[in-house]
Amino acid sequence: MRRLPKKKSDLRLIDQIKEKAKKNPQRIVLAEGEEERTLRAAAISLKEGIAMPVLLGKPENLKKVARDSGVNIDNIEIIDPEVSSELERYIYIYISSRGGRHITPKMAERLLKKSIYFGAMMTGVGDAKGMVAGCISLTATVLKASQLMVGMAEGISSASSFFVMSVPDCTYGENGNFIYADAGANINPSAQELAEIAILSARNAQALLGWEPRVAMLSFSTKGSAGHELVNKVIEATNLAKEKAPTLLIDGEFQFDAAIDPEVAKRKVKEESLVAGRANILIFPDLNAGNIGYKMTQYLAKAEAYGPILQGFKAPINDLSRGASVDDILGVMALTTLQAQARVSS
């Protein structure tokens, strides 16, 4: 049966995501509440019904930044981790979770008075449905807080991330939209970790964006055109991913052009493939390639980039680029809300 082409929505991808978020807004904690961009995004998210934001920080500092910036936060919940009524409970939960490791209440208190750790704990215990941070914090800090306070999902060995990329005037991928993974978290994934990244990214594409995932495992080789241990890692990861998730469309190893361009794929890929030339999810072999690739696409192709969206944790926690705009933060809040919706409905 001939498949009819999908009708392209008039809405930008991120606007489609925001509309989905509005159908069931979730309580999302913003750990860097005293940061002006975060305040603006929180106010917009509440006004537009994208999320129910919670700001962490000292109320007097938050209100001063809001006044100076002309942002109305009167109806937004504010929590000061240092004096929160939940602090004692969180300390107990954290100590109990450490499996007998010697952590004193004072050590736990010092950690949980920090907004990122407090917000991660809120998310881990379900007091918030997701957390967004990273405007003024290192990705490593966000990841550490997530690992300590939330933990990894069952069967997942390490955290990873993806960016949602929306390229204007592009016919490749999903009407010019792609997922790039991992471009923000896992520096040099093993074959096993690379397979996990491919599967998690595909499942997130299904759950959050409604895509039929077509996952390309990227390399500098296409189906044996080059031989090297770096290529071998991608081949092994491809085979592992296919074994673990046989119903997903995952293939490789592909060079970038063979993954997205049907004409190039015809020349370079001699075997039958449902992914070659049609990929909408691109799995990079390491963080060097992924991070450079997403930034090149963002700046040279004027693409919108939303993320890094973290994956592999028991609950949704997401990072931001320190150069994130208010719209970037709002987009990540919307994606975090969709992640939370998927968990609520599952």
Protein backbone atom coordinates (compact mmCIF):
# COMPACT_ATOMS: atom_id res chain seq x y z
CA MET A 1 0.00 0.00 0.00
CA ARG A 2 1.34 3.41 -0.94
CA ARG A 3 1.73 5.63 2.12
CA LEU A 4 0.34 9.14 1.68
CA PRO A 5 2.68 11.96 2.67
CA LYS A 6 2.00 13.43 6.09
CA LYS A 7 0.45 16.87 6.14
CA LYS A 8 2.90 19.39 7.57
CA SER A 9 1.44 21.33 10.48
CA ASP A 10 1.32 25.12 10.22
CA LEU A 11 2.66 25.27 13.78
CA ARG A 12 6.38 25.18 14.58
CA LEU A 13 7.39 21.96 16.30
CA ILE A 14 7.97 23.73 19.62
CA ASP A 15 4.51 25.32 19.39
CA GLN A 16 3.00 21.86 18.83
CA ILE A 17 4.85 20.69 21.95
CA LYS A 18 3.51 23.64 23.96
CA GLU A 19 -0.04 22.88 22.83
CA LYS A 20 0.34 19.28 24.02
CA ALA A 21 1.70 20.53 27.35
CA LYS A 22 -1.31 22.80 27.87
CA LYS A 23 -3.66 19.82 27.77
CA ASN A 24 -2.36 18.63 31.15
CA PRO A 25 0.11 21.08 32.75
CA GLN A 26 2.39 19.59 35.40
CA ARG A 27 4.13 20.94 38.51
CA ILE A 28 7.64 21.76 37.30
CA VAL A 29 10.30 23.04 39.71
CA LEU A 30 12.78 25.65 38.48
CA ALA A 31 15.89 25.35 40.62
CA GLU A 32 17.44 28.65 39.54
CA GLY A 33 14.51 30.79 40.58
CA GLU A 34 16.53 33.94 41.24
CA GLU A 35 17.74 34.09 37.61
CA GLU A 36 15.87 36.65 35.47
CA ARG A 37 15.39 34.44 32.39
CA THR A 38 13.99 31.71 34.61
CA LEU A 39 11.55 34.15 36.23
CA ARG A 40 10.31 35.34 32.84
CA ALA A 41 9.85 31.77 31.57
CA ALA A 42 7.99 30.83 34.76
CA ALA A 43 5.60 33.76 34.41
CA ILE A 44 4.89 32.96 30.75
CA SER A 45 4.42 29.24 31.46
CA LEU A 46 1.82 30.01 34.12
CA LYS A 47 0.02 32.61 32.01
CA GLU A 48 -0.14 30.33 28.94
CA GLY A 49 -0.97 27.19 30.94
CA ILE A 50 2.13 25.27 29.83
CA ALA A 51 3.18 24.26 33.35
CA MET A 52 2.60 24.94 37.02
CA PRO A 53 6.00 26.41 37.93
CA VAL A 54 7.64 26.35 41.35
CA LEU A 55 10.55 28.74 41.90
CA LEU A 56 13.37 27.88 44.31
CA GLY A 57 15.31 30.61 46.06
CA LYS A 58 15.06 33.28 48.71
CA PRO A 59 11.69 35.08 48.34
CA GLU A 60 13.20 38.52 48.93
CA ASN A 61 15.79 37.98 46.18
CA LEU A 62 13.20 36.58 43.77
CA LYS A 63 10.84 39.49 44.33
CA LYS A 64 13.59 42.05 43.85
CA VAL A 65 14.67 40.50 40.52
CA ALA A 66 11.01 40.35 39.46
CA ARG A 67 10.42 44.00 40.38
CA ASP A 68 13.58 45.17 38.62
CA SER A 69 12.64 43.14 35.53
CA GLY A 70 8.94 44.05 35.47
CA VAL A 71 7.88 40.41 35.83
CA ASN A 72 4.72 39.48 37.74
CA ILE A 73 5.30 36.39 39.92
CA ASP A 74 2.49 37.04 42.42
CA ASN A 75 0.72 33.75 41.65
CA ILE A 76 3.82 31.57 41.41
CA GLU A 77 4.79 29.29 44.29
CA ILE A 78 8.17 30.09 45.85
CA ILE A 79 10.13 27.72 48.10
CA ASP A 80 13.30 28.58 50.00
CA PRO A 81 15.17 25.26 50.43
CA GLU A 82 17.03 26.55 53.49
CA VAL A 83 13.87 27.00 55.57
CA SER A 84 11.46 24.60 53.83
CA SER A 85 9.20 22.51 56.05
CA GLU A 86 10.13 19.52 53.83
CA LEU A 87 13.87 19.80 54.46
CA GLU A 88 13.93 17.41 57.42
CA ARG A 89 11.91 14.79 55.50
CA TYR A 90 14.19 15.10 52.49
CA ILE A 91 17.28 14.67 54.69
CA TYR A 92 15.83 11.46 56.12
CA ILE A 93 14.93 10.13 52.65
CA TYR A 94 18.38 10.93 51.26
CA ILE A 95 20.25 9.28 54.14
CA SER A 96 18.00 6.21 53.94
CA SER A 97 18.59 5.90 50.20
CA ARG A 98 22.36 5.78 50.47
CA GLY A 99 22.41 2.11 51.48
CA GLY A 100 24.43 2.30 54.66
CA ARG A 101 27.04 4.76 53.43
CA HIS A 102 28.22 7.06 56.20
CA ILE A 103 26.36 10.31 55.60
CA THR A 104 25.58 12.49 58.59
CA PRO A 105 22.40 14.59 58.84
CA LYS A 106 24.63 17.68 58.68
CA MET A 107 26.20 16.56 55.41
CA ALA A 108 22.77 15.80 53.92
CA GLU A 109 21.38 19.14 55.13
CA ARG A 110 24.25 21.07 53.57
CA LEU A 111 23.62 19.36 50.24
CA LEU A 112 19.83 19.68 50.25
CA LYS A 113 19.90 23.38 51.09
CA LYS A 114 21.30 23.85 47.59
CA SER A 115 18.44 24.53 45.20
CA ILE A 116 19.44 22.04 42.49
CA TYR A 117 19.68 19.16 44.97
CA PHE A 118 16.48 20.22 46.73
CA GLY A 119 14.63 20.47 43.41
CA ALA A 120 15.94 17.08 42.30
CA MET A 121 14.72 15.56 45.56
CA MET A 122 11.31 17.19 45.09
CA THR A 123 11.14 15.48 41.71
CA GLY A 124 12.49 12.17 42.97
CA VAL A 125 9.82 11.85 45.67
CA GLY A 126 7.01 13.13 43.43
CA ASP A 127 6.45 16.51 45.10
CA ALA A 128 7.21 17.96 41.67
CA LYS A 129 6.73 16.16 38.37
CA GLY A 130 9.94 17.46 36.81
CA MET A 131 12.84 19.88 37.24
CA VAL A 132 14.57 22.31 34.89
CA ALA A 133 17.97 23.86 35.67
CA GLY A 134 21.23 24.78 33.98
CA CYS A 135 21.03 28.51 33.16
CA ILE A 136 23.76 29.24 35.70
CA SER A 137 24.85 25.71 36.63
CA LEU A 138 27.15 23.21 34.96
CA THR A 139 25.62 20.16 33.28
CA ALA A 140 27.83 18.04 35.56
CA THR A 141 26.11 19.57 38.61
CA VAL A 142 22.63 18.88 37.24
CA LEU A 143 23.61 15.30 36.41
CA LYS A 144 25.13 14.71 39.85
CA ALA A 145 22.02 16.03 41.62
CA SER A 146 19.83 13.84 39.42
CA GLN A 147 21.88 10.72 40.08
CA LEU A 148 21.94 11.28 43.85
CA MET A 149 18.35 12.39 44.41
CA VAL A 150 16.43 10.61 41.63
CA GLY A 151 18.54 7.70 40.41
CA MET A 152 18.60 5.73 37.18
CA ALA A 153 15.58 3.97 35.70
CA GLU A 154 15.57 0.19 35.88
CA GLY A 155 17.87 -1.41 33.34
CA ILE A 156 19.67 1.84 32.43
CA SER A 157 23.39 2.05 33.17
CA SER A 158 24.05 5.75 32.56
CA ALA A 159 22.37 9.07 31.88
CA SER A 160 22.23 10.52 28.39
CA SER A 161 20.51 13.38 26.61
CA PHE A 162 19.05 14.55 23.35
CA PHE A 163 18.28 17.80 21.60
CA VAL A 164 15.14 18.44 19.60
CA MET A 165 16.36 20.20 16.46
CA SER A 166 14.06 22.11 14.14
CA VAL A 167 15.73 23.16 10.87
CA PRO A 168 13.95 25.79 8.73
CA ASP A 169 13.30 25.09 5.03
CA CYS A 170 14.48 21.49 5.38
CA THR A 171 12.81 18.45 3.82
CA TYR A 172 14.90 15.83 5.63
CA GLY A 173 14.05 14.02 8.85
CA GLU A 174 10.57 14.61 10.24
CA ASN A 175 9.60 17.63 8.10
CA GLY A 176 12.91 19.27 9.02
CA ASN A 177 12.83 18.12 12.64
CA PHE A 178 15.32 15.75 14.25
CA ILE A 179 16.48 14.31 17.53
CA TYR A 180 20.25 14.51 18.06
CA ALA A 181 21.67 12.23 20.77
CA ASP A 182 23.80 12.29 22.81
CA ALA A 183 24.87 15.91 22.48
CA GLY A 184 25.05 16.97 26.11
CA ALA A 185 25.79 14.32 28.74
CA ASN A 186 27.61 11.03 28.02
CA ILE A 187 31.16 11.86 26.91
CA ASN A 188 32.38 8.58 25.47
CA PRO A 189 29.61 5.96 25.60
CA SER A 190 30.44 2.29 25.33
CA ALA A 191 28.66 0.16 22.73
CA GLN A 192 26.19 -0.89 25.43
CA GLU A 193 25.53 2.74 26.44
CA LEU A 194 25.24 3.81 22.79
CA ALA A 195 22.57 1.13 22.27
CA GLU A 196 20.69 2.42 25.34
CA ILE A 197 20.88 5.98 23.98
CA ALA A 198 19.41 4.85 20.66
CA ILE A 199 16.51 2.98 22.30
CA LEU A 200 15.70 5.71 24.84
CA SER A 201 15.80 8.42 22.15
CA ALA A 202 13.45 6.40 19.94
CA ARG A 203 10.99 5.80 22.76
CA ASN A 204 11.05 9.48 23.72
CA ALA A 205 10.35 10.42 20.10
CA GLN A 206 7.30 8.16 20.19
CA ALA A 207 6.02 9.24 23.61
CA LEU A 208 6.72 12.98 23.46
CA LEU A 209 6.50 13.86 19.77
CA GLY A 210 4.31 11.11 18.31
CA TRP A 211 6.93 10.19 15.71
CA GLU A 212 7.56 6.86 14.05
CA PRO A 213 11.26 6.69 15.03
CA ARG A 214 13.84 5.92 12.36
CA VAL A 215 17.16 5.73 14.18
CA ALA A 216 20.50 6.11 12.41
CA MET A 217 23.72 5.14 14.20
CA LEU A 218 26.28 7.63 12.87
CA SER A 219 29.92 7.08 12.02
CA PHE A 220 32.52 8.15 9.46
CA SER A 221 31.74 4.85 7.71
CA THR A 222 28.67 3.62 5.86
CA LYS A 223 28.05 -0.13 6.03
CA GLY A 224 31.68 -1.16 6.11
CA SER A 225 33.13 1.55 3.84
CA ALA A 226 35.88 2.10 6.44
CA GLY A 227 37.45 -0.14 9.03
CA HIS A 228 38.46 1.12 12.48
CA GLU A 229 37.83 0.38 16.15
CA LEU A 230 35.64 3.50 16.35
CA VAL A 231 33.48 2.11 13.55
CA ASN A 232 33.39 -1.29 15.25
CA LYS A 233 31.91 0.31 18.39
CA VAL A 234 29.03 1.75 16.35
CA ILE A 235 28.44 -1.56 14.58
CA GLU A 236 28.35 -3.39 17.93
CA ALA A 237 25.98 -0.77 19.38
CA THR A 238 23.67 -1.11 16.36
CA ASN A 239 23.49 -4.88 16.78
CA LEU A 240 22.85 -4.59 20.53
CA ALA A 241 20.09 -2.03 20.00
CA LYS A 242 18.40 -4.24 17.41
CA GLU A 243 18.55 -7.22 19.78
CA LYS A 244 17.17 -5.25 22.74
CA ALA A 245 14.42 -3.49 20.76
CA PRO A 246 13.62 -5.58 17.67
CA THR A 247 10.41 -3.65 16.93
CA LEU A 248 12.20 -0.31 16.54
CA LEU A 249 13.68 0.86 13.23
CA ILE A 250 17.39 1.14 14.07
CA ASP A 251 20.16 0.80 11.50
CA GLY A 252 23.75 1.73 10.81
CA GLU A 253 26.54 2.40 10.64
CA PHE A 254 25.85 5.44 8.45
CA GLN A 255 27.61 8.62 7.51
CA PHE A 256 25.44 11.68 8.10
CA ASP A 257 24.50 12.17 4.45
CA ALA A 258 23.58 8.51 3.95
CA ALA A 259 21.37 8.70 7.03
CA ILE A 260 19.23 11.67 5.93
CA ASP A 261 19.42 12.00 2.13
CA PRO A 262 17.53 9.37 0.05
CA GLU A 263 19.65 9.98 -3.06
CA VAL A 264 22.93 9.55 -1.20
CA ALA A 265 21.53 6.48 0.56
CA LYS A 266 20.75 4.88 -2.83
CA ARG A 267 24.40 5.21 -3.85
CA LYS A 268 26.03 4.25 -0.56
CA VAL A 269 23.70 1.67 1.00
CA LYS A 270 23.43 -1.46 -1.12
CA GLU A 271 21.26 -3.49 1.26
CA GLU A 272 17.61 -2.87 2.05
CA SER A 273 17.12 -0.38 4.90
CA LEU A 274 14.01 1.35 6.26
CA VAL A 275 16.24 3.96 7.92
CA ALA A 276 18.86 4.93 5.33
CA GLY A 277 18.03 8.31 3.79
CA ARG A 278 14.97 8.68 6.05
CA ALA A 279 16.38 8.99 9.58
CA ASN A 280 14.74 11.39 12.02
CA ILE A 281 16.82 10.34 15.04
CA LEU A 282 20.58 10.67 14.75
CA ILE A 283 22.80 8.89 17.30
CA PHE A 284 26.31 10.33 17.46
CA PRO A 285 29.22 8.07 18.49
CA ASP A 286 30.47 10.37 21.25
CA LEU A 287 29.95 13.79 22.83
CA ASN A 288 32.58 15.44 20.65
CA ALA A 289 30.59 14.63 17.52
CA GLY A 290 27.17 15.22 19.06
CA ASN A 291 27.91 18.57 20.68
CA ILE A 292 29.76 19.94 17.64
CA GLY A 293 27.01 18.63 15.34
CA TYR A 294 24.12 20.25 17.17
CA LYS A 295 25.89 23.60 17.50
CA MET A 296 26.87 23.60 13.80
CA THR A 297 23.25 22.87 12.86
CA GLN A 298 22.00 25.56 15.23
CA TYR A 299 24.31 28.31 14.00
CA LEU A 300 24.89 27.50 10.33
CA ALA A 301 21.40 26.23 9.48
CA LYS A 302 19.68 28.66 11.90
CA ALA A 303 18.02 25.70 13.60
CA GLU A 304 16.07 25.88 16.83
CA ALA A 305 17.67 23.63 19.45
CA TYR A 306 15.80 22.54 22.58
CA GLY A 307 17.65 20.69 25.29
CA PRO A 308 19.63 18.90 26.43
CA ILE A 309 16.65 16.78 27.46
CA LEU A 310 18.00 14.24 29.93
CA GLN A 311 16.95 10.61 29.72
CA GLY A 312 17.53 7.50 31.75
CA PHE A 313 16.46 8.84 35.16
CA LYS A 314 13.47 7.63 37.17
CA ALA A 315 11.82 11.06 36.82
CA PRO A 316 12.14 13.98 34.36
CA ILE A 317 15.02 16.35 35.08
CA ASN A 318 16.33 18.56 32.30
CA ASP A 319 19.37 20.70 31.70
CA LEU A 320 19.73 24.03 29.90
CA SER A 321 22.51 25.69 28.01
CA ARG A 322 23.93 28.56 30.04
CA GLY A 323 23.23 30.71 26.99
CA ALA A 324 19.54 29.69 26.96
CA SER A 325 16.99 32.34 26.05
CA VAL A 326 13.61 32.73 27.77
CA ASP A 327 12.01 30.91 24.83
CA ASP A 328 14.56 28.08 25.15
CA ILE A 329 13.69 27.66 28.83
CA LEU A 330 9.99 27.72 28.04
CA GLY A 331 10.50 25.05 25.37
CA VAL A 332 12.37 22.78 27.78
CA MET A 333 9.65 23.33 30.40
CA ALA A 334 7.07 22.22 27.83
CA LEU A 335 9.09 19.11 26.97
CA THR A 336 9.53 18.34 30.68
CA THR A 337 5.76 18.62 31.07
CA LEU A 338 5.28 16.12 28.23
CA GLN A 339 7.72 13.74 29.91
CA ALA A 340 5.74 14.08 33.14
CA GLN A 341 2.45 13.54 31.29
CA ALA A 342 3.83 10.31 29.79
CA ARG A 343 4.76 9.07 33.27
CA VAL A 344 1.38 10.05 34.71
CA SER A 345 -0.51 8.18 31.98
CA SER A 346 1.70 5.06 32.00
